[in-house]
Amino acid sequence: MAAIPSEPTPRVIDDDDDYEYFWSGGGLEIRIPRWLAEIVDVPLIVRIEIFMIGVCSGLLIAALAVVVAFYSAV
């Protein structure tokens, strides 16, 4: 028979607030917030892919706007 603890077990929170993130460049170490550290930590190829998806989406939306404007003017 297992004994029931008299106190509830402490809740474990996996949080990174205790850590400090730094960006270093040119001999300087600048403290940055966690959200920016997560963005900087993304590999370069993934950043390029996200940028290219944005460029392609923007071009498609612009082309659609030109086609709609052309047909509405004619």
PDB file of N, CA and C in Angstrom:
ATOM      1  N   MET A   1       0.845  -1.164   0.000  1.00  0.00           N
ATOM      2  CA  MET A   1       0.000   0.000   0.000  1.00  0.00           C
ATOM      3  C   MET A   1       0.898   1.237   0.000  1.00  0.00           C
ATOM      4  N   ALA A   2       0.648   2.156  -0.923  1.00  0.00           N
ATOM      5  CA  ALA A   2       1.476   3.362  -1.061  1.00  0.00           C
ATOM      6  C   ALA A   2       0.942   4.459  -0.153  1.00  0.00           C
ATOM      7  N   ALA A   3       1.863   5.180   0.427  1.00  0.00           N
ATOM      8  CA  ALA A   3       1.481   6.299   1.297  1.00  0.00           C
ATOM      9  C   ALA A   3       1.196   7.534   0.458  1.00  0.00           C
ATOM     10  N   ILE A   4       0.165   8.249   0.807  1.00  0.00           N
ATOM     11  CA  ILE A   4      -0.195   9.483   0.114  1.00  0.00           C
ATOM     12  C   ILE A   4       0.557  10.631   0.783  1.00  0.00           C
ATOM     13  N   PRO A   5       1.288  11.429   0.006  1.00  0.00           N
ATOM     14  CA  PRO A   5       2.029  12.530   0.632  1.00  0.00           C
ATOM     15  C   PRO A   5       1.072  13.552   1.239  1.00  0.00           C
ATOM     16  N   SER A   6       1.468  14.095   2.374  1.00  0.00           N
ATOM     17  CA  SER A   6       0.606  15.059   3.055  1.00  0.00           C
ATOM     18  C   SER A   6       0.601  16.417   2.363  1.00  0.00           C
ATOM     19  N   GLU A   7       1.671  16.721   1.635  1.00  0.00           N
ATOM     20  CA  GLU A   7       1.733  17.991   0.914  1.00  0.00           C
ATOM     21  C   GLU A   7       1.776  17.706  -0.577  1.00  0.00           C
ATOM     22  N   PRO A   8       1.168  18.568  -1.358  1.00  0.00           N
ATOM     23  CA  PRO A   8       1.263  18.353  -2.807  1.00  0.00           C
ATOM     24  C   PRO A   8       2.704  18.565  -3.284  1.00  0.00           C
ATOM     25  N   THR A   9       3.091  17.821  -4.293  1.00  0.00           N
ATOM     26  CA  THR A   9       4.448  17.971  -4.818  1.00  0.00           C
ATOM     27  C   THR A   9       4.577  19.331  -5.495  1.00  0.00           C
ATOM     28  N   PRO A  10       5.731  19.955  -5.373  1.00  0.00           N
ATOM     29  CA  PRO A  10       5.899  21.268  -5.999  1.00  0.00           C
ATOM     30  C   PRO A  10       5.799  21.167  -7.512  1.00  0.00           C
ATOM     31  N   ARG A  11       5.179  22.155  -8.093  1.00  0.00           N
ATOM     32  CA  ARG A  11       4.988  22.174  -9.535  1.00  0.00           C
ATOM     33  C   ARG A  11       6.278  22.628 -10.211  1.00  0.00           C
ATOM     34  N   VAL A  12       6.727  21.876 -11.168  1.00  0.00           N
ATOM     35  CA  VAL A  12       7.966  22.203 -11.875  1.00  0.00           C
ATOM     36  C   VAL A  12       7.611  23.032 -13.101  1.00  0.00           C
ATOM     37  N   ILE A  13       8.220  24.193 -13.198  1.00  0.00           N
ATOM     38  CA  ILE A  13       7.991  25.067 -14.342  1.00  0.00           C
ATOM     39  C   ILE A  13       9.287  25.153 -15.127  1.00  0.00           C
ATOM     40  N   ASP A  14       9.226  24.727 -16.366  1.00  0.00           N
ATOM     41  CA  ASP A  14      10.401  24.770 -17.222  1.00  0.00           C
ATOM     42  C   ASP A  14      10.462  26.151 -17.874  1.00  0.00           C
ATOM     43  N   ASP A  15      11.210  27.043 -17.271  1.00  0.00           N
ATOM     44  CA  ASP A  15      11.241  28.412 -17.733  1.00  0.00           C
ATOM     45  C   ASP A  15      12.685  28.865 -17.875  1.00  0.00           C
ATOM     46  N   ASP A  16      12.946  29.651 -18.882  1.00  0.00           N
ATOM     47  CA  ASP A  16      14.294  30.148 -19.123  1.00  0.00           C
ATOM     48  C   ASP A  16      14.500  31.563 -18.614  1.00  0.00           C
ATOM     49  N   ASP A  17      13.638  32.050 -17.743  1.00  0.00           N
ATOM     50  CA  ASP A  17      13.785  33.421 -17.254  1.00  0.00           C
ATOM     51  C   ASP A  17      15.047  33.595 -16.417  1.00  0.00           C
ATOM     52  N   ASP A  18      15.590  32.500 -15.903  1.00  0.00           N
ATOM     53  CA  ASP A  18      16.797  32.603 -15.088  1.00  0.00           C
ATOM     54  C   ASP A  18      18.051  32.785 -15.940  1.00  0.00           C
ATOM     55  N   TYR A  19      17.942  32.537 -17.239  1.00  0.00           N
ATOM     56  CA  TYR A  19      19.096  32.633 -18.119  1.00  0.00           C
ATOM     57  C   TYR A  19      19.159  34.019 -18.750  1.00  0.00           C
ATOM     58  N   GLU A  20      20.375  34.459 -19.030  1.00  0.00           N
ATOM     59  CA  GLU A  20      20.571  35.703 -19.743  1.00  0.00           C
ATOM     60  C   GLU A  20      21.170  35.373 -21.105  1.00  0.00           C
ATOM     61  N   TYR A  21      20.721  36.056 -22.117  1.00  0.00           N
ATOM     62  CA  TYR A  21      21.182  35.816 -23.472  1.00  0.00           C
ATOM     63  C   TYR A  21      22.015  37.006 -23.923  1.00  0.00           C
ATOM     64  N   PHE A  22      23.110  36.713 -24.620  1.00  0.00           N
ATOM     65  CA  PHE A  22      24.013  37.753 -25.078  1.00  0.00           C
ATOM     66  C   PHE A  22      24.286  37.587 -26.552  1.00  0.00           C
ATOM     67  N   TRP A  23      24.429  38.714 -27.233  1.00  0.00           N
ATOM     68  CA  TRP A  23      24.883  38.736 -28.611  1.00  0.00           C
ATOM     69  C   TRP A  23      26.280  39.310 -28.591  1.00  0.00           C
ATOM     70  N   SER A  24      27.206  38.591 -29.169  1.00  0.00           N
ATOM     71  CA  SER A  24      28.581  39.072 -29.147  1.00  0.00           C
ATOM     72  C   SER A  24      29.044  39.333 -30.563  1.00  0.00           C
ATOM     73  N   GLY A  25      29.726  40.448 -30.700  1.00  0.00           N
ATOM     74  CA  GLY A  25      30.274  40.819 -31.993  1.00  0.00           C
ATOM     75  C   GLY A  25      31.264  41.944 -31.820  1.00  0.00           C
ATOM     76  N   GLY A  26      32.431  41.795 -32.415  1.00  0.00           N
ATOM     77  CA  GLY A  26      33.442  42.827 -32.316  1.00  0.00           C
ATOM     78  C   GLY A  26      33.967  43.031 -30.916  1.00  0.00           C
ATOM     79  N   GLY A  27      33.988  41.984 -30.116  1.00  0.00           N
ATOM     80  CA  GLY A  27      34.493  42.092 -28.756  1.00  0.00           C
ATOM     81  C   GLY A  27      33.478  42.615 -27.759  1.00  0.00           C
ATOM     82  N   LEU A  28      32.272  42.916 -28.200  1.00  0.00           N
ATOM     83  CA  LEU A  28      31.218  43.392 -27.301  1.00  0.00           C
ATOM     84  C   LEU A  28      30.251  42.265 -26.994  1.00  0.00           C
ATOM     85  N   GLU A  29      29.743  42.263 -25.798  1.00  0.00           N
ATOM     86  CA  GLU A  29      28.678  41.329 -25.433  1.00  0.00           C
ATOM     87  C   GLU A  29      27.485  42.160 -24.993  1.00  0.00           C
ATOM     88  N   ILE A  30      26.427  42.100 -25.773  1.00  0.00           N
ATOM     89  CA  ILE A  30      25.228  42.884 -25.513  1.00  0.00           C
ATOM     90  C   ILE A  30      24.132  41.947 -25.045  1.00  0.00           C
ATOM     91  N   ARG A  31      23.518  42.270 -23.928  1.00  0.00           N
ATOM     92  CA  ARG A  31      22.418  41.457 -23.393  1.00  0.00           C
ATOM     93  C   ARG A  31      21.192  41.670 -24.261  1.00  0.00           C
ATOM     94  N   ILE A  32      20.563  40.583 -24.691  1.00  0.00           N
ATOM     95  CA  ILE A  32      19.368  40.662 -25.523  1.00  0.00           C
ATOM     96  C   ILE A  32      18.243  39.888 -24.854  1.00  0.00           C
ATOM     97  N   PRO A  33      16.988  40.250 -25.149  1.00  0.00           N
ATOM     98  CA  PRO A  33      15.858  39.511 -24.569  1.00  0.00           C
ATOM     99  C   PRO A  33      15.747  38.101 -25.160  1.00  0.00           C
ATOM    100  N   ARG A  34      15.008  37.271 -24.472  1.00  0.00           N
ATOM    101  CA  ARG A  34      14.879  35.861 -24.869  1.00  0.00           C
ATOM    102  C   ARG A  34      14.260  35.709 -26.250  1.00  0.00           C
ATOM    103  N   TRP A  35      13.219  36.486 -26.564  1.00  0.00           N
ATOM    104  CA  TRP A  35      12.549  36.345 -27.857  1.00  0.00           C
ATOM    105  C   TRP A  35      13.503  36.664 -29.001  1.00  0.00           C
ATOM    106  N   LEU A  36      14.389  37.643 -28.802  1.00  0.00           N
ATOM    107  CA  LEU A  36      15.346  37.977 -29.840  1.00  0.00           C
ATOM    108  C   LEU A  36      16.424  36.901 -29.960  1.00  0.00           C
ATOM    109  N   ALA A  37      16.802  36.309 -28.843  1.00  0.00           N
ATOM    110  CA  ALA A  37      17.785  35.222 -28.864  1.00  0.00           C
ATOM    111  C   ALA A  37      17.240  34.019 -29.620  1.00  0.00           C
ATOM    112  N   GLU A  38      15.954  33.756 -29.486  1.00  0.00           N
ATOM    113  CA  GLU A  38      15.360  32.632 -30.220  1.00  0.00           C
ATOM    114  C   GLU A  38      15.319  32.905 -31.716  1.00  0.00           C
ATOM    115  N   ILE A  39      15.122  34.170 -32.099  1.00  0.00           N
ATOM    116  CA  ILE A  39      15.134  34.518 -33.517  1.00  0.00           C
ATOM    117  C   ILE A  39      16.543  34.401 -34.077  1.00  0.00           C
ATOM    118  N   VAL A  40      17.525  34.888 -33.333  1.00  0.00           N
ATOM    119  CA  VAL A  40      18.911  34.847 -33.790  1.00  0.00           C
ATOM    120  C   VAL A  40      19.408  33.413 -33.880  1.00  0.00           C
ATOM    121  N   ASP A  41      18.861  32.533 -33.063  1.00  0.00           N
ATOM    122  CA  ASP A  41      19.298  31.147 -33.020  1.00  0.00           C
ATOM    123  C   ASP A  41      18.795  30.329 -34.217  1.00  0.00           C
ATOM    124  N   VAL A  42      17.905  30.885 -35.028  1.00  0.00           N
ATOM    125  CA  VAL A  42      17.386  30.179 -36.204  1.00  0.00           C
ATOM    126  C   VAL A  42      18.505  30.098 -37.245  1.00  0.00           C
ATOM    127  N   PRO A  43      18.718  28.920 -37.838  1.00  0.00           N
ATOM    128  CA  PRO A  43      19.774  28.786 -38.850  1.00  0.00           C
ATOM    129  C   PRO A  43      19.557  29.726 -40.042  1.00  0.00           C
ATOM    130  N   LEU A  44      20.647  30.111 -40.675  1.00  0.00           N
ATOM    131  CA  LEU A  44      20.597  31.073 -41.776  1.00  0.00           C
ATOM    132  C   LEU A  44      19.739  30.567 -42.930  1.00  0.00           C
ATOM    133  N   ILE A  45      19.827  29.308 -43.273  1.00  0.00           N
ATOM    134  CA  ILE A  45      19.062  28.782 -44.405  1.00  0.00           C
ATOM    135  C   ILE A  45      17.562  28.876 -44.138  1.00  0.00           C
ATOM    136  N   VAL A  46      17.152  28.690 -42.892  1.00  0.00           N
ATOM    137  CA  VAL A  46      15.726  28.798 -42.548  1.00  0.00           C
ATOM    138  C   VAL A  46      15.282  30.247 -42.664  1.00  0.00           C
ATOM    139  N   ARG A  47      16.140  31.186 -42.239  1.00  0.00           N
ATOM    140  CA  ARG A  47      15.800  32.604 -42.381  1.00  0.00           C
ATOM    141  C   ARG A  47      15.649  32.991 -43.846  1.00  0.00           C
ATOM    142  N   ILE A  48      16.529  32.448 -44.701  1.00  0.00           N
ATOM    143  CA  ILE A  48      16.447  32.737 -46.136  1.00  0.00           C
ATOM    144  C   ILE A  48      15.163  32.153 -46.708  1.00  0.00           C
ATOM    145  N   GLU A  49      14.795  30.945 -46.296  1.00  0.00           N
ATOM    146  CA  GLU A  49      13.555  30.331 -46.781  1.00  0.00           C
ATOM    147  C   GLU A  49      12.339  31.166 -46.385  1.00  0.00           C
ATOM    148  N   ILE A  50      12.307  31.617 -45.143  1.00  0.00           N
ATOM    149  CA  ILE A  50      11.178  32.440 -44.686  1.00  0.00           C
ATOM    150  C   ILE A  50      11.116  33.745 -45.473  1.00  0.00           C
ATOM    151  N   PHE A  51      12.278  34.355 -45.716  1.00  0.00           N
ATOM    152  CA  PHE A  51      12.330  35.595 -46.493  1.00  0.00           C
ATOM    153  C   PHE A  51      11.830  35.363 -47.921  1.00  0.00           C
ATOM    154  N   MET A  52      12.263  34.265 -48.543  1.00  0.00           N
ATOM    155  CA  MET A  52      11.851  33.984 -49.921  1.00  0.00           C
ATOM    156  C   MET A  52      10.364  33.672 -50.003  1.00  0.00           C
ATOM    157  N   ILE A  53       9.808  33.018 -49.007  1.00  0.00           N
ATOM    158  CA  ILE A  53       8.364  32.779 -48.990  1.00  0.00           C
ATOM    159  C   ILE A  53       7.632  34.112 -48.933  1.00  0.00           C
ATOM    160  N   GLY A  54       8.133  35.047 -48.141  1.00  0.00           N
ATOM    161  CA  GLY A  54       7.529  36.374 -48.059  1.00  0.00           C
ATOM    162  C   GLY A  54       7.626  37.130 -49.376  1.00  0.00           C
ATOM    163  N   VAL A  55       8.776  37.045 -50.029  1.00  0.00           N
ATOM    164  CA  VAL A  55       8.959  37.732 -51.316  1.00  0.00           C
ATOM    165  C   VAL A  55       8.010  37.154 -52.359  1.00  0.00           C
ATOM    166  N   CYS A  56       7.942  35.835 -52.434  1.00  0.00           N
ATOM    167  CA  CYS A  56       7.060  35.196 -53.423  1.00  0.00           C
ATOM    168  C   CYS A  56       5.592  35.521 -53.147  1.00  0.00           C
ATOM    169  N   SER A  57       5.204  35.505 -51.892  1.00  0.00           N
ATOM    170  CA  SER A  57       3.821  35.848 -51.546  1.00  0.00           C
ATOM    171  C   SER A  57       3.515  37.294 -51.920  1.00  0.00           C
ATOM    172  N   GLY A  58       4.434  38.183 -51.643  1.00  0.00           N
ATOM    173  CA  GLY A  58       4.244  39.594 -51.993  1.00  0.00           C
ATOM    174  C   GLY A  58       4.126  39.795 -53.487  1.00  0.00           C
ATOM    175  N   LEU A  59       4.945  39.092 -54.254  1.00  0.00           N
ATOM    176  CA  LEU A  59       4.862  39.213 -55.717  1.00  0.00           C
ATOM    177  C   LEU A  59       3.549  38.664 -56.253  1.00  0.00           C
ATOM    178  N   LEU A  60       3.078  37.569 -55.693  1.00  0.00           N
ATOM    179  CA  LEU A  60       1.792  37.014 -56.132  1.00  0.00           C
ATOM    180  C   LEU A  60       0.634  37.958 -55.811  1.00  0.00           C
ATOM    181  N   ILE A  61       0.660  38.552 -54.630  1.00  0.00           N
ATOM    182  CA  ILE A  61      -0.397  39.494 -54.256  1.00  0.00           C
ATOM    183  C   ILE A  61      -0.349  40.726 -55.146  1.00  0.00           C
ATOM    184  N   ALA A  62       0.865  41.220 -55.453  1.00  0.00           N
ATOM    185  CA  ALA A  62       1.000  42.380 -56.340  1.00  0.00           C
ATOM    186  C   ALA A  62       0.513  42.050 -57.740  1.00  0.00           C
ATOM    187  N   ALA A  63       0.830  40.869 -58.252  1.00  0.00           N
ATOM    188  CA  ALA A  63       0.374  40.467 -59.584  1.00  0.00           C
ATOM    189  C   ALA A  63      -1.146  40.349 -59.620  1.00  0.00           C
ATOM    190  N   LEU A  64      -1.722  39.795 -58.578  1.00  0.00           N
ATOM    191  CA  LEU A  64      -3.178  39.691 -58.506  1.00  0.00           C
ATOM    192  C   LEU A  64      -3.823  41.070 -58.485  1.00  0.00           C
ATOM    193  N   ALA A  65      -3.219  42.000 -57.750  1.00  0.00           N
ATOM    194  CA  ALA A  65      -3.754  43.364 -57.695  1.00  0.00           C
ATOM    195  C   ALA A  65      -3.664  44.038 -59.053  1.00  0.00           C
ATOM    196  N   VAL A  66      -2.577  43.807 -59.793  1.00  0.00           N
ATOM    197  CA  VAL A  66      -2.439  44.393 -61.134  1.00  0.00           C
ATOM    198  C   VAL A  66      -3.478  43.806 -62.079  1.00  0.00           C
ATOM    199  N   VAL A  67      -3.708  42.503 -62.016  1.00  0.00           N
ATOM    200  CA  VAL A  67      -4.697  41.865 -62.899  1.00  0.00           C
ATOM    201  C   VAL A  67      -6.096  42.382 -62.568  1.00  0.00           C
ATOM    202  N   VAL A  68      -6.434  42.467 -61.311  1.00  0.00           N
ATOM    203  CA  VAL A  68      -7.752  42.980 -60.915  1.00  0.00           C
ATOM    204  C   VAL A  68      -7.912  44.431 -61.347  1.00  0.00           C
ATOM    205  N   ALA A  69      -6.886  45.240 -61.175  1.00  0.00           N
ATOM    206  CA  ALA A  69      -6.954  46.649 -61.583  1.00  0.00           C
ATOM    207  C   ALA A  69      -7.089  46.763 -63.099  1.00  0.00           C
ATOM    208  N   PHE A  70      -6.389  45.914 -63.849  1.00  0.00           N
ATOM    209  CA  PHE A  70      -6.462  45.955 -65.303  1.00  0.00           C
ATOM    210  C   PHE A  70      -7.862  45.613 -65.796  1.00  0.00           C
ATOM    211  N   TYR A  71      -8.440  44.538 -65.244  1.00  0.00           N
ATOM    212  CA  TYR A  71      -9.778  44.133 -65.690  1.00  0.00           C
ATOM    213  C   TYR A  71     -10.857  45.099 -65.246  1.00  0.00           C
ATOM    214  N   SER A  72     -10.667  45.734 -64.113  1.00  0.00           N
ATOM    215  CA  SER A  72     -11.685  46.702 -63.671  1.00  0.00           C
ATOM    216  C   SER A  72     -11.567  48.006 -64.458  1.00  0.00           C
ATOM    217  N   ALA A  73     -10.385  48.312 -65.022  1.00  0.00           N
ATOM    218  CA  ALA A  73     -10.223  49.525 -65.823  1.00  0.00           C
ATOM    219  C   ALA A  73     -10.727  49.332 -67.242  1.00  0.00           C
ATOM    220  N   VAL A  74     -10.736  48.093 -67.711  1.00  0.00           N
ATOM    221  CA  VAL A  74     -11.158  47.832 -69.109  1.00  0.00           C
ATOM    222  C   VAL A  74     -12.616  47.660 -69.191  1.00  0.00           C
TER     223      VAL A  74
END
